[in-house]
Each structure stands twice: as C-alpha cells, then as structure tokens.
Amino acid sequence: MGAERRTVDALVAAADEEVAAESAMELLTASFAAVGAGITFWRGGQFAGQRWAALPAKFEADYVATFHAGDPWKEESQRVPTGKLVASDHLLPRAELERTSFYNELCRPHAIGDLCGGVLLRRGDDLVTFGMLRAADAKGSGAREVKDLLALRPALTRLATRELGRRDVRVAGLAVDSLSFGVLVLDATTGALLTANGPGLRLLERGVICRTGGRTHVGGRDLTALLVEGRPRALAIAPGLRVVVHAAAPYGHGRACVVHAHHLRSMARERAARATALFALSPREADVAEALMLGWSTKEIAARDRVAISTLRTHLRSLLRKTGSDRLATLHALLSGL
C-alpha cells in the first residue's frame, strides 16, 4: 500500500510539473519489478513519440527507429476502451506473439516477456496509451499487475492529459519559432510579457524591443496603451521597423494580445543564419546573403566591403550554386522564405 501511495504521489507530481514524467515512471517500474513503463503518443494512428522510463537504451532506440510500425500490441491496444487496462494475452495470444520478429528480435534479447497496458486518453486524432513491460521470468499472466494498475489509472490519465498538452505547446512553439519576425504575447491588461518566440527574444536582447516597468517599447514607441483598444493596429515605427498589434483575445482568466515586430535588419540576420545552417554558407557568403535581404544592390555591397565587383560576383556564384538558384531573383525568393 505504501509503494502504491508513493507511485500515485509521483504521478500526480509529474502531472503538476513538480518532477519529470520519467521519474514517476521509474518509480512505477520499480514498484512492479518491471522492465520499463511509460506512455506513448499516437496521432492519426501513427507513432508520434513516447515518454518511457527504465527501458534499455538500445531497446528504445530500435523501437523508435524500426519496430514501432510492426508492434503487434499497437492496433489491439488502441481498440481497448478508454480507461481499460489489460494483460498482453488479452491483446494477442502468447503463441502468436512469439512468432513475430518484434518479439524475437526486440523483446527476447532484452528479457522482455509481455506487456500490460491500454488507452488512457483519446482526443480528436490524438491517442495516448500506457504500457508496462513485464520481465521474461515474471509469474502469471499479468492479471495481478493489471488489477494494481487500475488503482493508478486516474493519476496516469491526469499525467497523460498534461503530457499531451505539453506536446501541443512544444509543437506550437516550434512553429512560431520558425518565423523570421518577432512574436510577443502580452497580457492585455497589465502589459506583462507572457511569452515570445526565438526572434522576439533576440529583438529584446538587441534592444529593438524594450521592457521597462511592465511597459513595452518598440523603437521608442510605447505599445502598452494599444493593448486594450480591442482592435488591431499596424504601425510604421521607423524605416525598416513595423509592428502589428493584434486585437486582444481570451487567455486563461484574462485577455492576451499578440504583437508582431518586423525589424528588417533582424529578419535578414535570422534568414542568413538559417541559410548558413541549410546550405553550409561561409561567413562571407552569409554576410552577402544578409545584405541581399536588406535590399542592397551588388554595387552597394561591393562598395561597403571595399572589394571589386568581380570578387563579389565570385561570392554570388557560390551562393547561387550552394542554394540551387539560377539567378539573384530566385536566390532572393528562396532566402525570403526561410
């Protein structure tokens, strides 16, 4: 009973972000003398990631890279009613399991016998399953473990719900970080900064956006007063610096406002850095790419760098070759899309 209470407490703590999900799963694994345990995410029936603990590193790597598509438990476990946990034989007869390459090439070498698990959560195209891998020498069919796991189901479901939400936030964050302009989300009432994408944080670091006493300034213009107007505003702050303040929208118990900051020089720098990573540009080529993004002509770039036009053309030919562009207009269009 004490071990069960500690496991429940650990799962709840993980759901409340007080400890890592893996730590809770490690405790659960140990309390059942299992090989490993965790939750797996599926989207549209396809594997979308997992949060497991105590698994042998090679087992997990091989599962993610190769074996998840042929997992004999996958389709059957996804048919189990939400909230029901079952033993392996309920999903697939033992004799049939032992004929699969999944079992013989992945499970058997790691002394894994079978599994207890089921569906914790369904939400649209998303599905979260729980699994606990029993050791090859484990006694019985797993029915006893299933009975004990059912007592943990509310805490497991709470953790699954929180982890799925975290995944959605991380995916949304990746999408917003892919933009080259700054995105800030501010509390529409207090002006507090709720979050910002990567380019937005770099604008704060460079002083293009300033935060003073809870107020937001862009190019010397105080934007905080615009947050509560309830309608979008597009502002030309300075040459090469434009800001869009979107209408406030519900957020939690208050309202939030999204601000887009388009700073031409910073956006050119972001795109040049991405081009460098994508196409292995040299520092000189990246500098030329950034200048092109700023709208500079070849003559202006050559004059700025005090080089001959012929020297600059050498760099431009290299840029065209590395990026697969046939002319400067194509190159500019490519860089503008990064």
Protein backbone atom coordinates (compact mmCIF):
# COMPACT_ATOMS: atom_id res chain seq x y z
CA MET A 1 0.00 0.00 0.00
CA GLY A 2 2.88 2.35 0.80
CA ALA A 3 4.51 1.72 -2.59
CA GLU A 4 1.21 2.37 -4.35
CA ARG A 5 0.75 5.65 -2.47
CA ARG A 6 4.27 6.79 -3.36
CA THR A 7 3.67 5.92 -7.02
CA VAL A 8 0.39 7.85 -7.09
CA ASP A 9 2.07 10.85 -5.45
CA ALA A 10 4.90 10.72 -8.01
CA LEU A 11 2.46 10.56 -10.95
CA VAL A 12 0.47 13.50 -9.59
CA ALA A 13 3.67 15.46 -9.00
CA ALA A 14 4.70 14.78 -12.62
CA ALA A 15 1.30 15.96 -13.85
CA ASP A 16 1.78 19.15 -11.81
CA GLU A 17 5.28 19.58 -13.34
CA GLU A 18 6.96 19.19 -9.96
CA VAL A 19 9.02 16.21 -11.14
CA ALA A 20 9.84 14.76 -14.55
CA ALA A 21 7.41 12.21 -16.02
CA GLU A 22 10.32 9.77 -16.36
CA SER A 23 10.95 9.91 -12.60
CA ALA A 24 7.37 8.86 -11.88
CA MET A 25 7.59 6.06 -14.44
CA GLU A 26 10.86 4.84 -12.91
CA LEU A 27 9.18 4.53 -9.51
CA LEU A 28 6.22 2.73 -11.07
CA THR A 29 8.57 0.33 -12.90
CA ALA A 30 10.47 -0.45 -9.71
CA SER A 31 7.33 -0.99 -7.65
CA PHE A 32 6.13 -3.65 -10.13
CA ALA A 33 9.60 -5.16 -10.72
CA ALA A 34 9.01 -4.46 -14.42
CA VAL A 35 11.46 -3.80 -17.25
CA GLY A 36 10.02 -0.41 -18.16
CA ALA A 37 6.86 1.67 -18.24
CA GLY A 38 5.60 4.78 -19.94
CA ILE A 39 3.10 6.50 -22.19
CA THR A 40 3.12 6.54 -25.99
CA PHE A 41 1.56 9.19 -28.23
CA TRP A 42 -0.25 8.36 -31.47
CA ARG A 43 -1.68 10.79 -34.00
CA GLY A 44 -3.98 9.54 -36.72
CA GLY A 45 -2.94 6.01 -35.79
CA GLN A 46 0.75 6.78 -36.38
CA PHE A 47 3.52 6.77 -33.78
CA ALA A 48 4.16 10.33 -32.55
CA GLY A 49 6.58 9.85 -29.64
CA GLN A 50 6.79 8.43 -26.15
CA ARG A 51 7.78 9.17 -22.55
CA TRP A 52 9.09 5.90 -21.10
CA ALA A 53 11.48 5.17 -18.26
CA ALA A 54 13.87 2.36 -17.33
CA LEU A 55 13.94 0.86 -20.83
CA PRO A 56 17.31 -0.35 -22.13
CA ALA A 57 18.61 2.45 -24.39
CA LYS A 58 19.05 0.14 -27.38
CA PHE A 59 15.52 -1.24 -27.00
CA GLU A 60 14.02 2.25 -27.06
CA ALA A 61 16.20 3.40 -29.97
CA ASP A 62 15.36 0.30 -32.03
CA TYR A 63 11.65 0.62 -31.25
CA VAL A 64 11.52 4.28 -32.34
CA ALA A 65 13.66 3.73 -35.43
CA THR A 66 12.36 0.38 -36.69
CA PHE A 67 9.90 -1.68 -34.71
CA HIS A 68 7.03 0.65 -33.80
CA ALA A 69 5.40 0.10 -37.21
CA GLY A 70 5.28 -3.68 -36.61
CA ASP A 71 4.32 -3.52 -32.93
CA PRO A 72 1.84 -6.43 -32.57
CA TRP A 73 0.30 -4.82 -29.48
CA LYS A 74 -0.28 -1.45 -31.18
CA GLU A 75 -3.53 -1.90 -33.10
CA GLU A 76 -5.09 -4.18 -30.50
CA SER A 77 -4.27 -1.88 -27.59
CA GLN A 78 -5.76 1.08 -29.47
CA ARG A 79 -9.05 -0.82 -29.71
CA VAL A 80 -9.28 -1.24 -25.94
CA PRO A 81 -11.96 1.06 -24.46
CA THR A 82 -10.54 4.25 -22.97
CA GLY A 83 -9.50 3.73 -19.36
CA LYS A 84 -9.39 -0.05 -19.54
CA LEU A 85 -6.04 -1.75 -18.87
CA VAL A 86 -5.43 -5.33 -19.94
CA ALA A 87 -2.74 -8.01 -19.94
CA SER A 88 -0.81 -8.99 -23.05
CA ASP A 89 -2.76 -12.20 -23.73
CA HIS A 90 -5.93 -10.11 -24.00
CA LEU A 91 -4.32 -8.26 -26.91
CA LEU A 92 -2.54 -11.14 -28.64
CA PRO A 93 -2.27 -14.84 -27.77
CA ARG A 94 1.16 -15.77 -26.46
CA ALA A 95 1.84 -18.31 -29.22
CA GLU A 96 1.07 -15.71 -31.88
CA LEU A 97 3.22 -13.07 -30.16
CA GLU A 98 6.21 -15.41 -30.08
CA ARG A 99 6.07 -15.87 -33.86
CA THR A 100 6.63 -12.16 -34.53
CA SER A 101 10.00 -10.57 -35.35
CA PHE A 102 9.01 -7.82 -32.90
CA TYR A 103 9.14 -10.33 -30.06
CA ASN A 104 12.12 -12.40 -31.25
CA GLU A 105 14.36 -9.55 -32.44
CA LEU A 106 13.41 -6.81 -29.99
CA CYS A 107 11.78 -8.17 -26.83
CA ARG A 108 13.51 -11.51 -26.33
CA PRO A 109 17.12 -10.11 -26.44
CA HIS A 110 16.15 -7.71 -23.62
CA ALA A 111 14.44 -10.39 -21.49
CA ILE A 112 11.01 -8.82 -22.01
CA GLY A 113 8.15 -11.25 -21.68
CA ASP A 114 4.93 -9.36 -22.28
CA LEU A 115 3.01 -6.18 -21.55
CA CYS A 116 0.17 -4.72 -19.50
CA GLY A 117 -1.49 -1.63 -20.90
CA GLY A 118 -4.33 0.14 -22.61
CA VAL A 119 -5.67 3.51 -23.71
CA LEU A 120 -5.53 6.38 -21.23
CA LEU A 121 -6.81 9.21 -23.38
CA ARG A 122 -8.50 9.90 -26.73
CA ARG A 123 -8.77 13.45 -28.08
CA GLY A 124 -9.55 14.01 -31.74
CA ASP A 125 -6.80 12.34 -33.79
CA ASP A 126 -4.64 12.01 -30.68
CA LEU A 127 -4.44 8.89 -28.58
CA VAL A 128 -2.27 8.19 -25.53
CA THR A 129 -1.57 4.62 -24.47
CA PHE A 130 0.09 3.30 -21.33
CA GLY A 131 2.30 0.25 -21.26
CA MET A 132 4.32 -1.65 -18.69
CA LEU A 133 6.74 -4.29 -19.95
CA ARG A 134 7.00 -7.37 -17.73
CA ALA A 135 10.21 -9.36 -17.42
CA ALA A 136 10.52 -12.70 -19.20
CA ASP A 137 10.62 -14.50 -15.84
CA ALA A 138 7.58 -12.68 -14.40
CA LYS A 139 4.99 -15.02 -12.84
CA GLY A 140 1.42 -15.33 -14.04
CA SER A 141 -0.41 -13.75 -16.95
CA GLY A 142 -0.20 -10.13 -15.76
CA ALA A 143 -3.75 -10.10 -14.37
CA ARG A 144 -2.48 -9.20 -10.89
CA GLU A 145 -0.47 -6.27 -12.25
CA VAL A 146 -3.48 -5.06 -14.24
CA LYS A 147 -5.61 -5.05 -11.10
CA ASP A 148 -3.00 -2.98 -9.24
CA LEU A 149 -2.50 -0.64 -12.21
CA LEU A 150 -6.21 0.13 -12.33
CA ALA A 151 -5.81 1.83 -8.93
CA LEU A 152 -3.25 4.13 -10.59
CA ARG A 153 -5.39 4.87 -13.65
CA PRO A 154 -6.73 8.30 -12.51
CA ALA A 155 -3.20 9.54 -11.82
CA LEU A 156 -1.91 8.03 -15.09
CA THR A 157 -4.73 9.68 -17.05
CA ARG A 158 -4.01 13.03 -15.41
CA LEU A 159 -0.35 12.72 -16.38
CA ALA A 160 -1.27 11.70 -19.95
CA THR A 161 -3.54 14.73 -20.29
CA ARG A 162 -0.83 17.09 -19.08
CA GLU A 163 1.86 15.49 -21.27
CA LEU A 164 -0.33 15.72 -24.38
CA GLY A 165 -0.92 19.39 -23.60
CA ARG A 166 2.82 19.94 -23.22
CA ARG A 167 3.44 18.30 -26.58
CA ASP A 168 0.90 20.60 -28.22
CA VAL A 169 2.59 23.63 -26.66
CA ARG A 170 6.03 22.46 -27.78
CA VAL A 171 4.82 21.85 -31.34
CA ALA A 172 3.14 25.27 -31.45
CA GLY A 173 6.34 26.82 -30.11
CA LEU A 174 8.40 25.17 -32.85
CA ALA A 175 6.02 26.56 -35.47
CA VAL A 176 6.20 30.10 -34.10
CA ASP A 177 9.98 29.91 -33.73
CA SER A 178 10.22 29.12 -37.45
CA LEU A 179 9.02 32.65 -38.27
CA SER A 180 11.72 35.19 -39.00
CA PHE A 181 9.89 38.10 -37.33
CA GLY A 182 9.37 38.59 -33.62
CA VAL A 183 6.18 37.41 -31.94
CA LEU A 184 5.36 38.52 -28.39
CA VAL A 185 2.27 37.69 -26.34
CA LEU A 186 1.42 40.31 -23.72
CA ASP A 187 -1.23 40.43 -21.02
CA ALA A 188 -3.73 42.93 -22.44
CA THR A 189 -4.44 44.45 -19.01
CA THR A 190 -1.08 44.58 -17.27
CA GLY A 191 1.25 44.51 -20.27
CA ALA A 192 3.19 41.61 -18.73
CA LEU A 193 5.20 39.55 -21.21
CA LEU A 194 3.63 36.08 -21.33
CA THR A 195 5.86 34.52 -23.96
CA ALA A 196 7.91 35.29 -27.07
CA ASN A 197 9.30 33.31 -29.96
CA GLY A 198 13.05 32.99 -30.61
CA PRO A 199 13.31 36.01 -32.95
CA GLY A 200 11.25 38.03 -30.47
CA LEU A 201 13.63 37.18 -27.62
CA ARG A 202 16.57 38.20 -29.79
CA LEU A 203 14.88 41.56 -30.51
CA LEU A 204 14.66 42.03 -26.74
CA GLU A 205 18.35 41.12 -26.37
CA ARG A 206 19.33 43.62 -29.09
CA GLY A 207 17.24 46.40 -27.58
CA VAL A 208 14.90 46.76 -30.56
CA ILE A 209 12.12 45.88 -28.12
CA CYS A 210 12.49 47.19 -24.58
CA ARG A 211 10.63 46.27 -21.41
CA THR A 212 10.61 48.93 -18.71
CA GLY A 213 8.41 48.94 -15.64
CA GLY A 214 5.98 46.47 -17.19
CA ARG A 215 5.62 48.52 -20.37
CA THR A 216 6.71 47.54 -23.87
CA HIS A 217 8.57 49.97 -26.10
CA VAL A 218 9.49 49.39 -29.74
CA GLY A 219 11.74 51.96 -31.34
CA GLY A 220 10.85 54.38 -28.56
CA ARG A 221 7.10 53.91 -29.09
CA ASP A 222 5.09 52.74 -26.05
CA LEU A 223 2.82 49.92 -27.21
CA THR A 224 1.24 49.08 -23.87
CA ALA A 225 -1.58 51.60 -24.27
CA LEU A 226 -2.60 49.98 -27.57
CA LEU A 227 -3.21 46.57 -25.99
CA VAL A 228 -6.60 47.44 -24.55
CA GLU A 229 -8.05 49.20 -27.60
CA GLY A 230 -9.68 45.99 -28.78
CA ARG A 231 -8.79 46.36 -32.44
CA PRO A 232 -5.67 45.54 -34.49
CA ARG A 233 -3.17 48.26 -35.29
CA ALA A 234 -0.33 48.33 -37.86
CA LEU A 235 2.37 50.86 -37.05
CA ALA A 236 5.37 52.07 -39.05
CA ILE A 237 7.73 52.83 -36.17
CA ALA A 238 10.82 53.69 -38.21
CA PRO A 239 12.37 52.79 -41.58
CA GLY A 240 12.72 49.01 -41.58
CA LEU A 241 10.67 48.62 -38.38
CA ARG A 242 6.96 47.83 -38.44
CA VAL A 243 4.73 46.49 -35.69
CA VAL A 244 1.33 44.82 -35.79
CA VAL A 245 -0.66 44.82 -32.55
CA HIS A 246 -3.47 42.27 -32.85
CA ALA A 247 -6.81 42.52 -31.10
CA ALA A 248 -6.90 41.10 -27.57
CA ALA A 249 -8.25 37.56 -27.19
CA PRO A 250 -9.29 35.46 -24.17
CA TYR A 251 -6.36 33.86 -22.35
CA GLY A 252 -6.87 31.93 -19.11
CA HIS A 253 -8.83 34.23 -16.81
CA GLY A 254 -7.81 37.38 -18.69
CA ARG A 255 -7.01 38.61 -22.17
CA ALA A 256 -3.81 38.48 -24.18
CA CYS A 257 -2.52 40.44 -27.11
CA VAL A 258 -0.20 39.18 -29.86
CA VAL A 259 2.39 41.63 -31.18
CA HIS A 260 4.35 41.06 -34.38
CA ALA A 261 7.60 43.01 -34.72
CA HIS A 262 9.03 43.16 -38.24
CA HIS A 263 12.59 44.50 -37.99
CA LEU A 264 14.18 44.31 -41.43
CA ARG A 265 17.79 44.00 -40.25
CA SER A 266 16.99 41.35 -37.63
CA MET A 267 14.87 39.38 -40.10
CA ALA A 268 17.70 39.45 -42.63
CA ARG A 269 20.08 38.19 -39.93
CA GLU A 270 17.68 35.38 -38.96
CA ARG A 271 17.33 34.27 -42.59
CA ALA A 272 21.06 34.45 -43.26
CA ALA A 273 21.70 32.27 -40.19
CA ARG A 274 19.15 29.72 -41.39
CA ALA A 275 20.68 29.74 -44.88
CA THR A 276 24.10 29.13 -43.32
CA ALA A 277 22.80 26.06 -41.49
CA LEU A 278 20.87 24.75 -44.51
CA PHE A 279 23.43 25.34 -47.25
CA ALA A 280 26.75 25.40 -45.38
CA LEU A 281 27.47 29.02 -46.28
CA SER A 282 30.79 30.58 -45.38
CA PRO A 283 30.73 33.64 -43.08
CA ARG A 284 31.39 35.85 -46.12
CA GLU A 285 28.58 34.25 -48.12
CA ALA A 286 26.20 34.64 -45.16
CA ASP A 287 27.12 38.32 -44.93
CA VAL A 288 26.36 38.82 -48.62
CA ALA A 289 23.06 36.94 -48.23
CA GLU A 290 22.10 39.22 -45.33
CA ALA A 291 22.88 42.31 -47.42
CA LEU A 292 20.73 40.99 -50.28
CA MET A 293 17.88 40.51 -47.80
CA LEU A 294 18.25 44.16 -46.84
CA GLY A 295 17.72 45.14 -50.48
CA TRP A 296 21.31 46.18 -51.21
CA SER A 297 22.50 46.12 -54.81
CA THR A 298 25.69 44.34 -55.84
CA LYS A 299 27.38 47.73 -56.32
CA GLU A 300 26.37 48.82 -52.81
CA ILE A 301 27.64 45.59 -51.25
CA ALA A 302 30.96 45.82 -53.12
CA ALA A 303 31.38 49.46 -52.08
CA ARG A 304 30.54 48.70 -48.45
CA ASP A 305 33.08 45.89 -48.33
CA ARG A 306 35.65 47.70 -50.47
CA VAL A 307 36.01 44.82 -52.89
CA ALA A 308 35.91 44.63 -56.65
CA ILE A 309 32.65 43.70 -58.35
CA SER A 310 34.42 40.66 -59.79
CA THR A 311 35.28 39.47 -56.27
CA LEU A 312 31.69 39.94 -55.12
CA ARG A 313 30.44 38.04 -58.17
CA THR A 314 32.59 35.09 -57.11
CA HIS A 315 30.74 35.02 -53.78
CA LEU A 316 27.39 35.39 -55.54
CA ARG A 317 28.14 32.47 -57.89
CA SER A 318 28.99 30.35 -54.88
CA LEU A 319 25.74 31.39 -53.19
CA LEU A 320 23.75 30.51 -56.30
CA ARG A 321 25.46 27.13 -56.62
CA LYS A 322 25.04 26.16 -52.94
CA THR A 323 21.38 27.15 -52.83
CA GLY A 324 20.50 25.69 -56.25
CA SER A 325 19.36 29.09 -57.55
CA ASP A 326 19.66 30.07 -61.20
CA ARG A 327 19.68 33.84 -60.71
CA LEU A 328 19.61 36.51 -57.99
CA ALA A 329 15.82 36.87 -58.09
CA THR A 330 15.46 33.13 -57.37
CA LEU A 331 18.03 33.38 -54.59
CA HIS A 332 16.22 36.32 -53.03
CA ALA A 333 12.88 34.49 -53.16
CA LEU A 334 14.48 31.43 -51.54
CA LEU A 335 16.08 33.41 -48.72
CA SER A 336 12.84 35.35 -48.14
CA GLY A 337 11.06 32.08 -47.44
CA LEU A 338 13.43 30.97 -44.68
